[in-house]
């Protein structure tokens, strides 16, 4: 993730990923998880971090969206 504010390592974070539904007129699919910061990158003009999290029940969400 790219951010102007970098959280400290091991910080707990809520992650939401919104995916478009390929079926016309269908509702988007939202994945939710709680994870923690595992890496921080600070390049010359880009700051970012990596999150370790697990999304469960993805198959069920996709099935419901069909």
C-alpha atoms as a PDB file:
ATOM      1  CA  UNK A   1       0.000   0.000   0.000  1.00  0.00           C
ATOM      2  CA  UNK A   2       1.173   3.500  -0.728  1.00  0.00           C
ATOM      3  CA  UNK A   3       0.665   6.155   1.925  1.00  0.00           C
ATOM      4  CA  UNK A   4       1.957   9.532   3.005  1.00  0.00           C
ATOM      5  CA  UNK A   5       1.769   8.358   6.641  1.00  0.00           C
ATOM      6  CA  UNK A   6       3.588   5.143   7.509  1.00  0.00           C
ATOM      7  CA  UNK A   7       2.289   3.135  10.480  1.00  0.00           C
ATOM      8  CA  UNK A   8       4.783   1.402  12.762  1.00  0.00           C
ATOM      9  CA  UNK A   9       5.633  -2.269  12.201  1.00  0.00           C
ATOM     10  CA  UNK A  10       3.208  -4.754  13.790  1.00  0.00           C
ATOM     11  CA  UNK A  11       0.362  -2.194  13.870  1.00  0.00           C
ATOM     12  CA  UNK A  12      -3.034  -3.875  13.508  1.00  0.00           C
ATOM     13  CA  UNK A  13      -4.965  -2.638  10.467  1.00  0.00           C
ATOM     14  CA  UNK A  14      -8.378  -3.271   8.928  1.00  0.00           C
ATOM     15  CA  UNK A  15      -8.213  -4.031   5.203  1.00  0.00           C
ATOM     16  CA  UNK A  16     -11.112  -3.729   2.748  1.00  0.00           C
ATOM     17  CA  UNK A  17     -10.674  -4.715  -0.887  1.00  0.00           C
ATOM     18  CA  UNK A  18     -13.459  -3.779  -3.312  1.00  0.00           C
ATOM     19  CA  UNK A  19     -13.689  -5.844  -6.496  1.00  0.00           C
ATOM     20  CA  UNK A  20     -15.970  -5.070  -9.419  1.00  0.00           C
ATOM     21  CA  UNK A  21     -18.478  -7.773 -10.273  1.00  0.00           C
ATOM     22  CA  UNK A  22     -18.072  -8.939 -13.864  1.00  0.00           C
ATOM     23  CA  UNK A  23     -21.810  -9.361 -14.297  1.00  0.00           C
ATOM     24  CA  UNK A  24     -23.497  -6.220 -15.598  1.00  0.00           C
ATOM     25  CA  UNK A  25     -25.642  -4.551 -12.964  1.00  0.00           C
ATOM     26  CA  UNK A  26     -24.318  -6.766 -10.158  1.00  0.00           C
ATOM     27  CA  UNK A  27     -23.114  -5.465  -6.829  1.00  0.00           C
ATOM     28  CA  UNK A  28     -19.371  -5.176  -6.221  1.00  0.00           C
ATOM     29  CA  UNK A  29     -17.651  -7.747  -4.011  1.00  0.00           C
ATOM     30  CA  UNK A  30     -16.066  -6.518  -0.771  1.00  0.00           C
ATOM     31  CA  UNK A  31     -13.421  -8.494   1.096  1.00  0.00           C
ATOM     32  CA  UNK A  32     -12.659  -7.589   4.723  1.00  0.00           C
ATOM     33  CA  UNK A  33      -9.827  -8.678   6.987  1.00  0.00           C
ATOM     34  CA  UNK A  34      -7.754  -7.616   9.956  1.00  0.00           C
ATOM     35  CA  UNK A  35      -3.997  -7.866   9.623  1.00  0.00           C
ATOM     36  CA  UNK A  36      -0.776  -6.257  10.722  1.00  0.00           C
ATOM     37  CA  UNK A  37       2.030  -4.238   9.144  1.00  0.00           C
ATOM     38  CA  UNK A  38       4.965  -6.497   8.228  1.00  0.00           C
ATOM     39  CA  UNK A  39       7.172  -4.238   6.106  1.00  0.00           C
ATOM     40  CA  UNK A  40       7.744  -0.525   5.548  1.00  0.00           C
ATOM     41  CA  UNK A  41       9.364   0.880   2.403  1.00  0.00           C
ATOM     42  CA  UNK A  42      10.650   4.416   2.107  1.00  0.00           C
ATOM     43  CA  UNK A  43      12.105   5.155  -1.335  1.00  0.00           C
ATOM     44  CA  UNK A  44      13.102   8.614  -2.570  1.00  0.00           C
ATOM     45  CA  UNK A  45       9.588   9.844  -3.370  1.00  0.00           C
ATOM     46  CA  UNK A  46       7.351   6.846  -2.560  1.00  0.00           C
ATOM     47  CA  UNK A  47       6.378   5.563   0.876  1.00  0.00           C
ATOM     48  CA  UNK A  48       4.510   2.321   1.391  1.00  0.00           C
ATOM     49  CA  UNK A  49       3.903  -0.680   3.580  1.00  0.00           C
ATOM     50  CA  UNK A  50       2.934  -4.339   3.367  1.00  0.00           C
ATOM     51  CA  UNK A  51       0.110  -5.949   5.326  1.00  0.00           C
ATOM     52  CA  UNK A  52      -0.237  -9.610   6.291  1.00  0.00           C
ATOM     53  CA  UNK A  53      -3.906 -10.583   6.408  1.00  0.00           C
ATOM     54  CA  UNK A  54      -6.167 -13.476   5.474  1.00  0.00           C
ATOM     55  CA  UNK A  55      -9.464 -13.180   3.607  1.00  0.00           C
ATOM     56  CA  UNK A  56     -11.831 -16.010   4.465  1.00  0.00           C
ATOM     57  CA  UNK A  57     -15.014 -17.230   2.773  1.00  0.00           C
ATOM     58  CA  UNK A  58     -14.018 -15.776  -0.609  1.00  0.00           C
ATOM     59  CA  UNK A  59     -15.699 -18.647  -2.452  1.00  0.00           C
ATOM     60  CA  UNK A  60     -18.981 -17.966  -0.647  1.00  0.00           C
ATOM     61  CA  UNK A  61     -18.844 -14.244  -1.464  1.00  0.00           C
ATOM     62  CA  UNK A  62     -18.247 -14.984  -5.147  1.00  0.00           C
ATOM     63  CA  UNK A  63     -21.062 -17.532  -5.172  1.00  0.00           C
ATOM     64  CA  UNK A  64     -23.475 -14.995  -3.627  1.00  0.00           C
ATOM     65  CA  UNK A  65     -22.483 -12.362  -6.195  1.00  0.00           C
ATOM     66  CA  UNK A  66     -23.347 -14.615  -9.148  1.00  0.00           C
END
